[in-house]
Amino acid sequence: MLLWWASVAMAGTIYVNGVDVTGLRGQSFDNVTITFDSNGDVHISAPQYEIEVVDPQAPTIPPPTTSPDPPRTAPPLPTPPSGVAEGRWWLISEDNGSAGHTVEIFINDTPVQTVQSQGEQIIEDVGPWLRPGTNRIKMVSMSRDASGGALYVYLGTGSNDSGTLVMDTPDVQFGLGASRSGSYTRDYTIEVQ
């Protein structure tokens, strides 16, 4: 166990659910999946935990007493630095009544999304994470006590037609059924123009 902690201490950045937590101290997580990428970064998938980075120097603002907290919105996606068109490449999940699956999606070694059984359907523009040319897509799944139907993750081109996404034949089709158990990783390579 000492060797494992030593390797973590010398690792690059540490992410929990895609959030940089490199300076995190005094915390423990149960039932997680740990992945080391090619850069030495540590990616911890802990879907049952919500991670929020708080600036300890920021002033504390008491919560309002007369109205509930406003709905939380995700920060805007970064502008694609590479010239990959927005609204062209999509990630879509499809859950057919599955249970027990979690899939982490990485694009070019960057964690992009986590899909879970019985979770909300994911429809996400992944253009900001792609670059022209060859791109590496990695699906890292963990299945425990899997049952029900299949969970699918698709990645490919498509178009948003008045609020309805129409996807071409997906370049990536990743599926997990009830017979899947334990961890499973699959790598794909796609070409983006």
Protein backbone atom coordinates (compact mmCIF):
# COMPACT_ATOMS: atom_id res chain seq x y z
CA MET A 1 0.00 0.00 0.00
CA LEU A 2 2.89 2.37 0.68
CA LEU A 3 4.11 2.02 -2.92
CA TRP A 4 0.66 2.94 -4.24
CA TRP A 5 0.56 6.13 -2.17
CA ALA A 6 4.07 7.00 -3.31
CA SER A 7 3.01 6.63 -6.94
CA VAL A 8 -0.02 8.86 -6.36
CA ALA A 9 2.16 11.50 -4.72
CA MET A 10 4.38 11.60 -7.83
CA ALA A 11 1.44 11.55 -10.26
CA GLY A 12 0.35 14.48 -12.38
CA THR A 13 -3.03 16.03 -11.80
CA ILE A 14 -5.70 14.23 -9.75
CA TYR A 15 -9.30 14.44 -10.98
CA VAL A 16 -12.49 13.30 -9.24
CA ASN A 17 -15.44 13.17 -11.66
CA GLY A 18 -13.50 15.40 -14.05
CA VAL A 19 -12.74 18.09 -11.43
CA ASP A 20 -9.08 18.89 -10.63
CA VAL A 21 -8.65 18.07 -6.92
CA THR A 22 -4.86 17.82 -6.83
CA GLY A 23 -4.58 19.67 -3.51
CA LEU A 24 -7.41 17.74 -1.82
CA ARG A 25 -6.51 16.46 1.65
CA GLY A 26 -8.30 14.55 4.40
CA GLN A 27 -10.99 12.90 2.24
CA SER A 28 -11.89 9.32 1.48
CA PHE A 29 -14.16 7.86 -1.19
CA ASP A 30 -15.86 4.46 -1.29
CA ASN A 31 -16.74 2.39 -4.37
CA VAL A 32 -14.71 4.31 -6.95
CA THR A 33 -12.85 3.50 -10.15
CA ILE A 34 -9.28 4.79 -10.48
CA THR A 35 -7.63 5.27 -13.88
CA PHE A 36 -4.10 6.48 -14.66
CA ASP A 37 -3.77 8.13 -18.07
CA SER A 38 -0.66 8.28 -20.26
CA ASN A 39 0.36 11.63 -18.72
CA GLY A 40 0.43 10.18 -15.20
CA ASP A 41 -2.79 11.96 -14.27
CA VAL A 42 -5.12 10.12 -11.90
CA HIS A 43 -8.84 10.00 -12.77
CA ILE A 44 -11.19 8.88 -10.00
CA SER A 45 -14.75 8.07 -11.00
CA ALA A 46 -16.98 8.50 -7.96
CA PRO A 47 -20.45 8.92 -9.46
CA GLN A 48 -22.16 8.89 -6.07
CA TYR A 49 -20.21 12.02 -4.99
CA GLU A 50 -20.69 15.63 -6.11
CA ILE A 51 -17.40 17.50 -6.34
CA GLU A 52 -17.23 21.27 -5.98
CA VAL A 53 -14.05 23.31 -5.75
CA VAL A 54 -14.34 26.22 -3.30
CA ASP A 55 -11.78 29.01 -3.01
CA PRO A 56 -10.83 29.15 0.69
CA GLN A 57 -9.96 32.87 0.29
CA ALA A 58 -13.40 33.73 -1.08
CA PRO A 59 -15.72 35.49 1.38
CA THR A 60 -18.49 33.32 2.77
CA ILE A 61 -21.94 34.51 1.74
CA PRO A 62 -24.78 33.23 3.90
CA PRO A 63 -27.57 31.45 2.03
CA PRO A 64 -30.76 33.44 1.44
CA THR A 65 -33.44 32.90 4.06
CA THR A 66 -36.50 33.86 2.01
CA SER A 67 -36.02 32.02 -1.28
CA PRO A 68 -34.49 28.71 -2.38
CA ASP A 69 -31.13 28.52 -4.08
CA PRO A 70 -31.30 29.30 -7.80
CA PRO A 71 -30.94 26.28 -10.09
CA ARG A 72 -27.34 25.29 -10.76
CA THR A 73 -26.18 25.55 -14.33
CA ALA A 74 -23.12 24.00 -15.85
CA PRO A 75 -20.33 26.37 -16.86
CA PRO A 76 -20.18 27.10 -20.58
CA LEU A 77 -18.08 24.70 -22.61
CA PRO A 78 -14.70 26.01 -23.72
CA THR A 79 -14.44 27.40 -27.22
CA PRO A 80 -12.89 24.83 -29.53
CA PRO A 81 -9.28 25.95 -29.93
CA SER A 82 -8.65 23.61 -32.81
CA GLY A 83 -11.25 24.76 -35.29
CA VAL A 84 -13.58 21.75 -34.88
CA ALA A 85 -17.06 23.02 -35.61
CA GLU A 86 -19.54 23.17 -32.75
CA GLY A 87 -22.78 21.29 -33.24
CA ARG A 88 -21.18 18.68 -35.51
CA TRP A 89 -19.83 15.95 -33.16
CA TRP A 90 -22.12 14.53 -30.47
CA LEU A 91 -22.07 12.15 -27.51
CA ILE A 92 -25.39 10.42 -26.82
CA SER A 93 -26.37 7.87 -24.17
CA GLU A 94 -29.22 5.38 -24.47
CA ASP A 95 -30.39 3.41 -21.42
CA ASN A 96 -32.77 0.51 -22.03
CA GLY A 97 -33.64 -0.13 -18.37
CA SER A 98 -30.12 -1.11 -17.34
CA ALA A 99 -28.83 -1.21 -13.77
CA GLY A 100 -25.34 -1.30 -12.29
CA HIS A 101 -23.26 0.34 -15.05
CA THR A 102 -21.08 3.47 -15.03
CA VAL A 103 -19.12 4.63 -18.09
CA GLU A 104 -16.49 7.37 -18.09
CA ILE A 105 -15.77 8.92 -21.48
CA PHE A 106 -12.33 10.39 -22.26
CA ILE A 107 -11.44 12.29 -25.43
CA ASN A 108 -7.72 12.68 -26.05
CA ASP A 109 -7.11 11.67 -22.39
CA THR A 110 -9.43 14.38 -21.04
CA PRO A 111 -12.45 13.26 -19.00
CA VAL A 112 -15.55 14.53 -20.78
CA GLN A 113 -18.63 12.84 -19.33
CA THR A 114 -19.85 10.09 -17.00
CA VAL A 115 -22.90 8.03 -17.99
CA GLN A 116 -24.77 5.88 -15.47
CA SER A 117 -27.54 3.33 -15.59
CA GLN A 118 -30.90 4.87 -14.76
CA GLY A 119 -29.42 8.36 -15.20
CA GLU A 120 -30.58 11.19 -17.40
CA GLN A 121 -29.96 10.78 -21.12
CA ILE A 122 -26.79 12.58 -22.20
CA ILE A 123 -26.77 14.59 -25.42
CA GLU A 124 -23.59 16.65 -25.55
CA ASP A 125 -21.66 18.54 -28.20
CA VAL A 126 -18.11 17.18 -27.89
CA GLY A 127 -16.52 19.49 -30.48
CA PRO A 128 -14.57 21.40 -27.77
CA TRP A 129 -12.59 18.25 -26.92
CA LEU A 130 -11.81 17.16 -30.47
CA ARG A 131 -9.07 18.39 -32.79
CA PRO A 132 -8.68 18.08 -36.56
CA GLY A 133 -7.05 14.78 -37.46
CA THR A 134 -6.78 11.66 -35.31
CA ASN A 135 -8.57 11.64 -31.95
CA ARG A 136 -8.53 8.97 -29.24
CA ILE A 137 -11.80 8.07 -27.53
CA LYS A 138 -11.63 5.88 -24.42
CA MET A 139 -14.59 4.27 -22.65
CA VAL A 140 -13.89 3.09 -19.10
CA SER A 141 -16.75 1.16 -17.54
CA MET A 142 -17.49 -0.40 -14.19
CA SER A 143 -20.36 -2.85 -13.83
CA ARG A 144 -21.56 -4.14 -10.46
CA ASP A 145 -24.64 -6.32 -10.02
CA ALA A 146 -25.67 -5.47 -13.59
CA SER A 147 -29.21 -6.29 -14.63
CA GLY A 148 -31.97 -5.19 -16.98
CA GLY A 149 -31.45 -3.99 -20.53
CA ALA A 150 -28.36 -2.56 -22.17
CA LEU A 151 -26.67 0.82 -21.69
CA TYR A 152 -25.23 2.36 -24.88
CA VAL A 153 -22.91 5.32 -25.52
CA TYR A 154 -22.60 6.68 -29.07
CA LEU A 155 -20.22 9.28 -30.46
CA GLY A 156 -20.39 10.61 -33.99
CA THR A 157 -21.50 13.34 -36.31
CA GLY A 158 -24.99 14.72 -36.42
CA SER A 159 -27.04 17.89 -36.73
CA ASN A 160 -29.46 19.73 -34.52
CA ASP A 161 -32.62 20.20 -36.59
CA SER A 162 -34.90 22.62 -34.70
CA GLY A 163 -34.16 21.03 -31.34
CA THR A 164 -34.08 17.44 -32.59
CA LEU A 165 -30.65 15.84 -32.88
CA VAL A 166 -30.26 13.68 -35.97
CA MET A 167 -27.14 11.49 -35.69
CA ASP A 168 -25.37 9.92 -38.63
CA THR A 169 -24.09 6.35 -38.22
CA PRO A 170 -21.98 6.68 -35.03
CA ASP A 171 -18.21 6.35 -35.27
CA VAL A 172 -18.20 4.93 -31.71
CA GLN A 173 -20.81 2.47 -30.43
CA PHE A 174 -20.16 1.22 -26.89
CA GLY A 175 -22.62 -1.05 -25.11
CA LEU A 176 -22.92 -2.86 -21.78
CA GLY A 177 -25.40 -5.64 -21.08
CA ALA A 178 -26.56 -7.47 -17.96
CA SER A 179 -23.83 -10.11 -18.39
CA ARG A 180 -21.03 -7.51 -18.00
CA SER A 181 -19.22 -7.56 -14.65
CA GLY A 182 -16.24 -5.61 -13.29
CA SER A 183 -14.18 -3.04 -15.14
CA TYR A 184 -13.78 -2.84 -18.90
CA THR A 185 -11.88 -0.36 -21.11
CA ARG A 186 -12.21 0.10 -24.84
CA ASP A 187 -10.22 2.50 -27.04
CA TYR A 188 -11.37 3.94 -30.34
CA THR A 189 -9.69 6.19 -32.89
CA ILE A 190 -11.71 8.62 -34.99
CA GLU A 191 -10.70 11.03 -37.74
CA VAL A 192 -12.09 14.57 -37.56
CA GLN A 193 -11.96 17.02 -40.45
